[in-house]
PDB file of all heavy atoms in Angstrom:
ATOM      1  N   GLY A   1      45.569   0.317 -19.268  1.00  0.00           N
ATOM      2  CA  GLY A   1      46.998   0.257 -18.925  1.00  0.00           C
ATOM      3  C   GLY A   1      47.341   0.902 -17.615  1.00  0.00           C
ATOM      4  O   GLY A   1      48.390   0.583 -17.010  1.00  0.00           O
ATOM      5  N   ASP A   2      46.483   1.795 -17.084  1.00  0.00           N
ATOM      6  CA  ASP A   2      46.749   2.395 -15.772  1.00  0.00           C
ATOM      7  C   ASP A   2      46.329   1.498 -14.645  1.00  0.00           C
ATOM      8  O   ASP A   2      46.437   1.816 -13.485  1.00  0.00           O
ATOM      9  CB  ASP A   2      46.043   3.772 -15.668  1.00  0.00           C
ATOM     10  CG  ASP A   2      44.541   3.703 -15.781  1.00  0.00           C
ATOM     11  OD1 ASP A   2      43.959   2.581 -15.887  1.00  0.00           O
ATOM     12  OD2 ASP A   2      43.908   4.756 -15.750  1.00  0.00           O
ATOM     13  N   GLY A   3      45.751   0.320 -14.994  1.00  0.00           N
ATOM     14  CA  GLY A   3      45.329  -0.687 -13.990  1.00  0.00           C
ATOM     15  C   GLY A   3      43.934  -0.494 -13.480  1.00  0.00           C
ATOM     16  O   GLY A   3      43.473  -1.310 -12.698  1.00  0.00           O
ATOM     17  N   GLU A   4      43.266   0.540 -13.912  1.00  0.00           N
ATOM     18  CA  GLU A   4      41.918   0.804 -13.459  1.00  0.00           C
ATOM     19  C   GLU A   4      40.876   0.220 -14.391  1.00  0.00           C
ATOM     20  O   GLU A   4      41.102   0.128 -15.595  1.00  0.00           O
ATOM     21  CB  GLU A   4      41.679   2.286 -13.320  1.00  0.00           C
ATOM     22  CG  GLU A   4      42.538   2.966 -12.251  1.00  0.00           C
ATOM     23  CD  GLU A   4      42.313   2.380 -10.865  1.00  0.00           C
ATOM     24  OE1 GLU A   4      41.140   2.173 -10.481  1.00  0.00           O
ATOM     25  OE2 GLU A   4      43.323   2.092 -10.150  1.00  0.00           O
ATOM     26  N   PRO A   5      39.716  -0.176 -13.851  1.00  0.00           N
ATOM     27  CA  PRO A   5      38.644  -0.739 -14.695  1.00  0.00           C
ATOM     28  C   PRO A   5      38.249   0.193 -15.844  1.00  0.00           C
ATOM     29  O   PRO A   5      38.310   1.420 -15.686  1.00  0.00           O
ATOM     30  CB  PRO A   5      37.497  -0.910 -13.728  1.00  0.00           C
ATOM     31  CG  PRO A   5      38.133  -1.028 -12.392  1.00  0.00           C
ATOM     32  CD  PRO A   5      39.295  -0.125 -12.450  1.00  0.00           C
ATOM     33  N   ILE A   6      37.898  -0.392 -16.927  1.00  0.00           N
ATOM     34  CA  ILE A   6      37.354   0.304 -18.085  1.00  0.00           C
ATOM     35  C   ILE A   6      36.182  -0.443 -18.600  1.00  0.00           C
ATOM     36  O   ILE A   6      36.174  -1.685 -18.648  1.00  0.00           O
ATOM     37  CB  ILE A   6      38.454   0.517 -19.163  1.00  0.00           C
ATOM     38  CG1 ILE A   6      37.936   1.442 -20.280  1.00  0.00           C
ATOM     39  CG2 ILE A   6      38.942  -0.799 -19.706  1.00  0.00           C
ATOM     40  CD1 ILE A   6      39.048   1.901 -21.248  1.00  0.00           C
ATOM     41  N   ALA A   7      35.083   0.256 -18.854  1.00  0.00           N
ATOM     42  CA  ALA A   7      33.866  -0.442 -19.301  1.00  0.00           C
ATOM     43  C   ALA A   7      34.016  -0.993 -20.699  1.00  0.00           C
ATOM     44  O   ALA A   7      34.603  -0.344 -21.579  1.00  0.00           O
ATOM     45  CB  ALA A   7      32.703   0.537 -19.230  1.00  0.00           C
ATOM     46  N   PRO A   8      33.511  -2.182 -20.977  1.00  0.00           N
ATOM     47  CA  PRO A   8      33.513  -2.710 -22.321  1.00  0.00           C
ATOM     48  C   PRO A   8      32.735  -1.831 -23.286  1.00  0.00           C
ATOM     49  O   PRO A   8      31.678  -1.295 -22.901  1.00  0.00           O
ATOM     50  CB  PRO A   8      32.842  -4.067 -22.202  1.00  0.00           C
ATOM     51  CG  PRO A   8      32.938  -4.426 -20.739  1.00  0.00           C
ATOM     52  CD  PRO A   8      32.935  -3.105 -19.992  1.00  0.00           C
ATOM     53  N   CYS A   9      33.221  -1.671 -24.502  1.00  0.00           N
ATOM     54  CA  CYS A   9      32.483  -0.899 -25.521  1.00  0.00           C
ATOM     55  C   CYS A   9      31.269  -1.688 -25.887  1.00  0.00           C
ATOM     56  O   CYS A   9      31.081  -2.833 -25.491  1.00  0.00           O
ATOM     57  CB  CYS A   9      33.379  -0.639 -26.708  1.00  0.00           C
ATOM     58  SG  CYS A   9      33.763  -2.092 -27.708  1.00  0.00           S
ATOM     59  N   GLY A  10      30.419  -1.079 -26.705  1.00  0.00           N
ATOM     60  CA  GLY A  10      29.178  -1.753 -27.095  1.00  0.00           C
ATOM     61  C   GLY A  10      29.424  -3.073 -27.837  1.00  0.00           C
ATOM     62  O   GLY A  10      28.727  -4.079 -27.534  1.00  0.00           O
ATOM     63  N   ARG A  11      30.344  -3.097 -28.729  1.00  0.00           N
ATOM     64  CA  ARG A  11      30.685  -4.319 -29.490  1.00  0.00           C
ATOM     65  C   ARG A  11      31.114  -5.412 -28.516  1.00  0.00           C
ATOM     66  O   ARG A  11      30.666  -6.544 -28.642  1.00  0.00           O
ATOM     67  CB  ARG A  11      31.785  -4.006 -30.503  1.00  0.00           C
ATOM     68  CG  ARG A  11      32.275  -5.228 -31.237  1.00  0.00           C
ATOM     69  CD  ARG A  11      33.343  -4.822 -32.227  1.00  0.00           C
ATOM     70  NE  ARG A  11      33.860  -5.993 -32.905  1.00  0.00           N
ATOM     71  CZ  ARG A  11      35.158  -6.310 -32.985  1.00  0.00           C
ATOM     72  NH1 ARG A  11      36.044  -5.556 -32.429  1.00  0.00           N
ATOM     73  NH2 ARG A  11      35.510  -7.378 -33.636  1.00  0.00           N
ATOM     74  N   CYS A  12      31.938  -5.014 -27.554  1.00  0.00           N
ATOM     75  CA  CYS A  12      32.445  -6.045 -26.613  1.00  0.00           C
ATOM     76  C   CYS A  12      31.354  -6.516 -25.673  1.00  0.00           C
ATOM     77  O   CYS A  12      31.400  -7.671 -25.217  1.00  0.00           O
ATOM     78  CB  CYS A  12      33.655  -5.486 -25.894  1.00  0.00           C
ATOM     79  SG  CYS A  12      35.044  -5.363 -26.969  1.00  0.00           S
ATOM     80  N   ARG A  13      30.457  -5.668 -25.358  1.00  0.00           N
ATOM     81  CA  ARG A  13      29.299  -6.135 -24.531  1.00  0.00           C
ATOM     82  C   ARG A  13      28.590  -7.234 -25.245  1.00  0.00           C
ATOM     83  O   ARG A  13      28.168  -8.233 -24.630  1.00  0.00           O
ATOM     84  CB  ARG A  13      28.400  -4.949 -24.189  1.00  0.00           C
ATOM     85  CG  ARG A  13      29.059  -3.938 -23.253  1.00  0.00           C
ATOM     86  CD  ARG A  13      28.208  -2.712 -23.021  1.00  0.00           C
ATOM     87  NE  ARG A  13      29.027  -1.703 -22.379  1.00  0.00           N
ATOM     88  CZ  ARG A  13      28.550  -0.677 -21.747  1.00  0.00           C
ATOM     89  NH1 ARG A  13      27.231  -0.427 -21.693  1.00  0.00           N
ATOM     90  NH2 ARG A  13      29.352   0.191 -21.166  1.00  0.00           N
ATOM     91  N   GLN A  14      28.381  -7.072 -26.564  1.00  0.00           N
ATOM     92  CA  GLN A  14      27.715  -8.108 -27.347  1.00  0.00           C
ATOM     93  C   GLN A  14      28.558  -9.374 -27.390  1.00  0.00           C
ATOM     94  O   GLN A  14      28.035 -10.496 -27.282  1.00  0.00           O
ATOM     95  CB  GLN A  14      27.457  -7.566 -28.753  1.00  0.00           C
ATOM     96  CG  GLN A  14      26.596  -8.509 -29.584  1.00  0.00           C
ATOM     97  CD  GLN A  14      25.182  -8.675 -29.068  1.00  0.00           C
ATOM     98  OE1 GLN A  14      24.515  -7.724 -28.708  1.00  0.00           O
ATOM     99  NE2 GLN A  14      24.731  -9.919 -28.994  1.00  0.00           N
ATOM    100  N   VAL A  15      29.878  -9.245 -27.563  1.00  0.00           N
ATOM    101  CA  VAL A  15      30.754 -10.420 -27.551  1.00  0.00           C
ATOM    102  C   VAL A  15      30.664 -11.142 -26.202  1.00  0.00           C
ATOM    103  O   VAL A  15      30.541 -12.368 -26.136  1.00  0.00           O
ATOM    104  CB  VAL A  15      32.224 -10.014 -27.872  1.00  0.00           C
ATOM    105  CG1 VAL A  15      33.198 -11.166 -27.615  1.00  0.00           C
ATOM    106  CG2 VAL A  15      32.350  -9.569 -29.338  1.00  0.00           C
ATOM    107  N   LEU A  16      30.727 -10.405 -25.124  1.00  0.00           N
ATOM    108  CA  LEU A  16      30.640 -11.018 -23.792  1.00  0.00           C
ATOM    109  C   LEU A  16      29.290 -11.670 -23.562  1.00  0.00           C
ATOM    110  O   LEU A  16      29.174 -12.719 -22.923  1.00  0.00           O
ATOM    111  CB  LEU A  16      30.924  -9.994 -22.714  1.00  0.00           C
ATOM    112  CG  LEU A  16      32.353  -9.489 -22.655  1.00  0.00           C
ATOM    113  CD1 LEU A  16      32.469  -8.310 -21.655  1.00  0.00           C
ATOM    114  CD2 LEU A  16      33.345 -10.582 -22.305  1.00  0.00           C
ATOM    115  N   TYR A  17      28.231 -11.070 -24.125  1.00  0.00           N
ATOM    116  CA  TYR A  17      26.891 -11.625 -23.993  1.00  0.00           C
ATOM    117  C   TYR A  17      26.839 -13.004 -24.638  1.00  0.00           C
ATOM    118  O   TYR A  17      26.166 -13.934 -24.101  1.00  0.00           O
ATOM    119  CB  TYR A  17      25.879 -10.681 -24.620  1.00  0.00           C
ATOM    120  CG  TYR A  17      24.440 -11.100 -24.346  1.00  0.00           C
ATOM    121  CD1 TYR A  17      23.805 -10.618 -23.165  1.00  0.00           C
ATOM    122  CD2 TYR A  17      23.734 -11.900 -25.196  1.00  0.00           C
ATOM    123  CE1 TYR A  17      22.509 -10.954 -22.891  1.00  0.00           C
ATOM    124  CE2 TYR A  17      22.454 -12.288 -24.920  1.00  0.00           C
ATOM    125  CZ  TYR A  17      21.825 -11.805 -23.778  1.00  0.00           C
ATOM    126  OH  TYR A  17      20.522 -12.195 -23.486  1.00  0.00           O
ATOM    127  N   GLU A  18      27.528 -13.165 -25.772  1.00  0.00           N
ATOM    128  CA  GLU A  18      27.520 -14.446 -26.450  1.00  0.00           C
ATOM    129  C   GLU A  18      28.070 -15.574 -25.546  1.00  0.00           C
ATOM    130  O   GLU A  18      27.611 -16.693 -25.614  1.00  0.00           O
ATOM    131  CB  GLU A  18      28.398 -14.308 -27.685  1.00  0.00           C
ATOM    132  CG  GLU A  18      28.471 -15.553 -28.534  1.00  0.00           C
ATOM    133  CD  GLU A  18      27.255 -15.793 -29.446  1.00  0.00           C
ATOM    134  OE1 GLU A  18      26.450 -14.887 -29.617  1.00  0.00           O
ATOM    135  OE2 GLU A  18      27.166 -16.932 -29.954  1.00  0.00           O
ATOM    136  N   PHE A  19      29.029 -15.244 -24.695  1.00  0.00           N
ATOM    137  CA  PHE A  19      29.722 -16.248 -23.903  1.00  0.00           C
ATOM    138  C   PHE A  19      29.353 -16.234 -22.425  1.00  0.00           C
ATOM    139  O   PHE A  19      29.817 -17.120 -21.704  1.00  0.00           O
ATOM    140  CB  PHE A  19      31.231 -16.133 -24.077  1.00  0.00           C
ATOM    141  CG  PHE A  19      31.651 -16.398 -25.490  1.00  0.00           C
ATOM    142  CD1 PHE A  19      31.866 -15.345 -26.365  1.00  0.00           C
ATOM    143  CD2 PHE A  19      31.821 -17.713 -25.913  1.00  0.00           C
ATOM    144  CE1 PHE A  19      32.240 -15.642 -27.704  1.00  0.00           C
ATOM    145  CE2 PHE A  19      32.200 -17.995 -27.191  1.00  0.00           C
ATOM    146  CZ  PHE A  19      32.406 -16.938 -28.105  1.00  0.00           C
ATOM    147  N   GLY A  20      28.568 -15.250 -22.000  1.00  0.00           N
ATOM    148  CA  GLY A  20      28.226 -15.219 -20.574  1.00  0.00           C
ATOM    149  C   GLY A  20      26.757 -14.837 -20.303  1.00  0.00           C
ATOM    150  O   GLY A  20      26.265 -15.092 -19.227  1.00  0.00           O
ATOM    151  N   GLY A  21      26.139 -14.241 -21.301  1.00  0.00           N
ATOM    152  CA  GLY A  21      24.726 -13.861 -21.123  1.00  0.00           C
ATOM    153  C   GLY A  21      24.523 -12.685 -20.173  1.00  0.00           C
ATOM    154  O   GLY A  21      25.475 -12.122 -19.687  1.00  0.00           O
ATOM    155  N   ALA A  22      23.289 -12.420 -19.935  1.00  0.00           N
ATOM    156  CA  ALA A  22      22.913 -11.281 -19.067  1.00  0.00           C
ATOM    157  C   ALA A  22      23.379 -11.455 -17.627  1.00  0.00           C
ATOM    158  O   ALA A  22      23.538 -10.466 -16.910  1.00  0.00           O
ATOM    159  CB  ALA A  22      21.403 -11.083 -19.126  1.00  0.00           C
ATOM    160  N   GLU A  23      23.602 -12.673 -17.184  1.00  0.00           N
ATOM    161  CA  GLU A  23      23.990 -12.952 -15.811  1.00  0.00           C
ATOM    162  C   GLU A  23      25.469 -12.791 -15.527  1.00  0.00           C
ATOM    163  O   GLU A  23      25.906 -12.886 -14.400  1.00  0.00           O
ATOM    164  CB  GLU A  23      23.557 -14.358 -15.426  1.00  0.00           C
ATOM    165  CG  GLU A  23      22.050 -14.567 -15.509  1.00  0.00           C
ATOM    166  CD  GLU A  23      21.268 -13.553 -14.664  1.00  0.00           C
ATOM    167  OE1 GLU A  23      21.579 -13.437 -13.459  1.00  0.00           O
ATOM    168  OE2 GLU A  23      20.373 -12.882 -15.193  1.00  0.00           O
ATOM    169  N   LEU A  24      26.280 -12.563 -16.540  1.00  0.00           N
ATOM    170  CA  LEU A  24      27.733 -12.410 -16.403  1.00  0.00           C
ATOM    171  C   LEU A  24      28.033 -11.226 -15.465  1.00  0.00           C
ATOM    172  O   LEU A  24      27.514 -10.122 -15.631  1.00  0.00           O
ATOM    173  CB  LEU A  24      28.388 -12.138 -17.765  1.00  0.00           C
ATOM    174  CG  LEU A  24      29.862 -11.814 -17.794  1.00  0.00           C
ATOM    175  CD1 LEU A  24      30.680 -13.034 -17.299  1.00  0.00           C
ATOM    176  CD2 LEU A  24      30.277 -11.398 -19.169  1.00  0.00           C
ATOM    177  N   TRP A  25      28.926 -11.484 -14.489  1.00  0.00           N
ATOM    178  CA  TRP A  25      29.344 -10.388 -13.589  1.00  0.00           C
ATOM    179  C   TRP A  25      30.489  -9.663 -14.196  1.00  0.00           C
ATOM    180  O   TRP A  25      31.458 -10.226 -14.716  1.00  0.00           O
ATOM    181  CB  TRP A  25      29.830 -10.977 -12.229  1.00  0.00           C
ATOM    182  CG  TRP A  25      28.741 -11.581 -11.402  1.00  0.00           C
ATOM    183  CD1 TRP A  25      28.478 -12.874 -11.161  1.00  0.00           C
ATOM    184  CD2 TRP A  25      27.760 -10.865 -10.637  1.00  0.00           C
ATOM    185  NE1 TRP A  25      27.380 -13.020 -10.341  1.00  0.00           N
ATOM    186  CE2 TRP A  25      26.917 -11.787  -9.989  1.00  0.00           C
ATOM    187  CE3 TRP A  25      27.475  -9.498 -10.519  1.00  0.00           C
ATOM    188  CZ2 TRP A  25      25.859 -11.443  -9.207  1.00  0.00           C
ATOM    189  CZ3 TRP A  25      26.420  -9.124  -9.694  1.00  0.00           C
ATOM    190  CH2 TRP A  25      25.613 -10.054  -9.030  1.00  0.00           C
ATOM    191  N   LEU A  26      30.455  -8.292 -14.153  1.00  0.00           N
ATOM    192  CA  LEU A  26      31.508  -7.445 -14.614  1.00  0.00           C
ATOM    193  C   LEU A  26      32.058  -6.634 -13.460  1.00  0.00           C
ATOM    194  O   LEU A  26      31.302  -6.044 -12.705  1.00  0.00           O
ATOM    195  CB  LEU A  26      30.971  -6.481 -15.721  1.00  0.00           C
ATOM    196  CG  LEU A  26      30.569  -7.131 -17.027  1.00  0.00           C
ATOM    197  CD1 LEU A  26      29.930  -6.069 -17.908  1.00  0.00           C
ATOM    198  CD2 LEU A  26      31.751  -7.741 -17.679  1.00  0.00           C
ATOM    199  N   ASP A  27      33.386  -6.635 -13.355  1.00  0.00           N
ATOM    200  CA  ASP A  27      34.020  -5.930 -12.285  1.00  0.00           C
ATOM    201  C   ASP A  27      33.871  -4.431 -12.458  1.00  0.00           C
ATOM    202  O   ASP A  27      33.982  -3.919 -13.572  1.00  0.00           O
ATOM    203  CB  ASP A  27      35.529  -6.287 -12.278  1.00  0.00           C
ATOM    204  CG  ASP A  27      36.307  -5.662 -11.158  1.00  0.00           C
ATOM    205  OD1 ASP A  27      35.743  -5.433 -10.066  1.00  0.00           O
ATOM    206  OD2 ASP A  27      37.520  -5.410 -11.386  1.00  0.00           O
ATOM    207  N   ALA A  28      33.661  -3.732 -11.373  1.00  0.00           N
ATOM    208  CA  ALA A  28      33.556  -2.273 -11.389  1.00  0.00           C
ATOM    209  C   ALA A  28      34.718  -1.620 -10.638  1.00  0.00           C
ATOM    210  O   ALA A  28      34.748  -0.425 -10.475  1.00  0.00           O
ATOM    211  CB  ALA A  28      32.194  -1.833 -10.830  1.00  0.00           C
ATOM    212  N   GLY A  29      35.657  -2.424 -10.169  1.00  0.00           N
ATOM    213  CA  GLY A  29      36.793  -1.928  -9.428  1.00  0.00           C
ATOM    214  C   GLY A  29      36.642  -2.117  -7.946  1.00  0.00           C
ATOM    215  O   GLY A  29      35.568  -2.436  -7.432  1.00  0.00           O
ATOM    216  N   GLU A  30      37.790  -1.915  -7.272  1.00  0.00           N
ATOM    217  CA  GLU A  30      37.780  -2.079  -5.808  1.00  0.00           C
ATOM    218  C   GLU A  30      36.866  -1.065  -5.159  1.00  0.00           C
ATOM    219  O   GLU A  30      36.791   0.078  -5.537  1.00  0.00           O
ATOM    220  CB  GLU A  30      39.195  -1.849  -5.294  1.00  0.00           C
ATOM    221  CG  GLU A  30      40.173  -2.976  -5.721  1.00  0.00           C
ATOM    222  CD  GLU A  30      41.533  -2.802  -5.152  1.00  0.00           C
ATOM    223  OE1 GLU A  30      41.675  -2.447  -3.989  1.00  0.00           O
ATOM    224  OE2 GLU A  30      42.485  -2.970  -5.935  1.00  0.00           O
ATOM    225  N   GLY A  31      36.063  -1.567  -4.228  1.00  0.00           N
ATOM    226  CA  GLY A  31      35.132  -0.734  -3.489  1.00  0.00           C
ATOM    227  C   GLY A  31      33.826  -0.455  -4.215  1.00  0.00           C
ATOM    228  O   GLY A  31      32.950   0.214  -3.705  1.00  0.00           O
ATOM    229  N   ALA A  32      33.692  -0.978  -5.418  1.00  0.00           N
ATOM    230  CA  ALA A  32      32.422  -0.787  -6.206  1.00  0.00           C
ATOM    231  C   ALA A  32      31.795  -2.162  -6.432  1.00  0.00           C
ATOM    232  O   ALA A  32      32.505  -3.159  -6.618  1.00  0.00           O
ATOM    233  CB  ALA A  32      32.696  -0.110  -7.525  1.00  0.00           C
ATOM    234  N   ALA A  33      30.523  -2.196  -6.431  1.00  0.00           N
ATOM    235  CA  ALA A  33      29.798  -3.450  -6.601  1.00  0.00           C
ATOM    236  C   ALA A  33      29.863  -3.910  -8.073  1.00  0.00           C
ATOM    237  O   ALA A  33      29.609  -3.093  -8.961  1.00  0.00           O
ATOM    238  CB  ALA A  33      28.369  -3.337  -6.194  1.00  0.00           C
ATOM    239  N   PRO A  34      30.199  -5.178  -8.306  1.00  0.00           N
ATOM    240  CA  PRO A  34      30.131  -5.717  -9.686  1.00  0.00           C
ATOM    241  C   PRO A  34      28.711  -5.599 -10.259  1.00  0.00           C
ATOM    242  O   PRO A  34      27.759  -5.546  -9.462  1.00  0.00           O
ATOM    243  CB  PRO A  34      30.530  -7.152  -9.534  1.00  0.00           C
ATOM    244  CG  PRO A  34      31.239  -7.241  -8.225  1.00  0.00           C
ATOM    245  CD  PRO A  34      30.592  -6.210  -7.352  1.00  0.00           C
TER     246      PRO A  34
END
């Protein structure tokens, strides 16, 4: 809610893996490499 990136929890990492796999890019915020 503060607008800053938050890392997906373990459960959500598994959910994202189902739909994007290991190659899915995750944002790390402005100035940080995905």
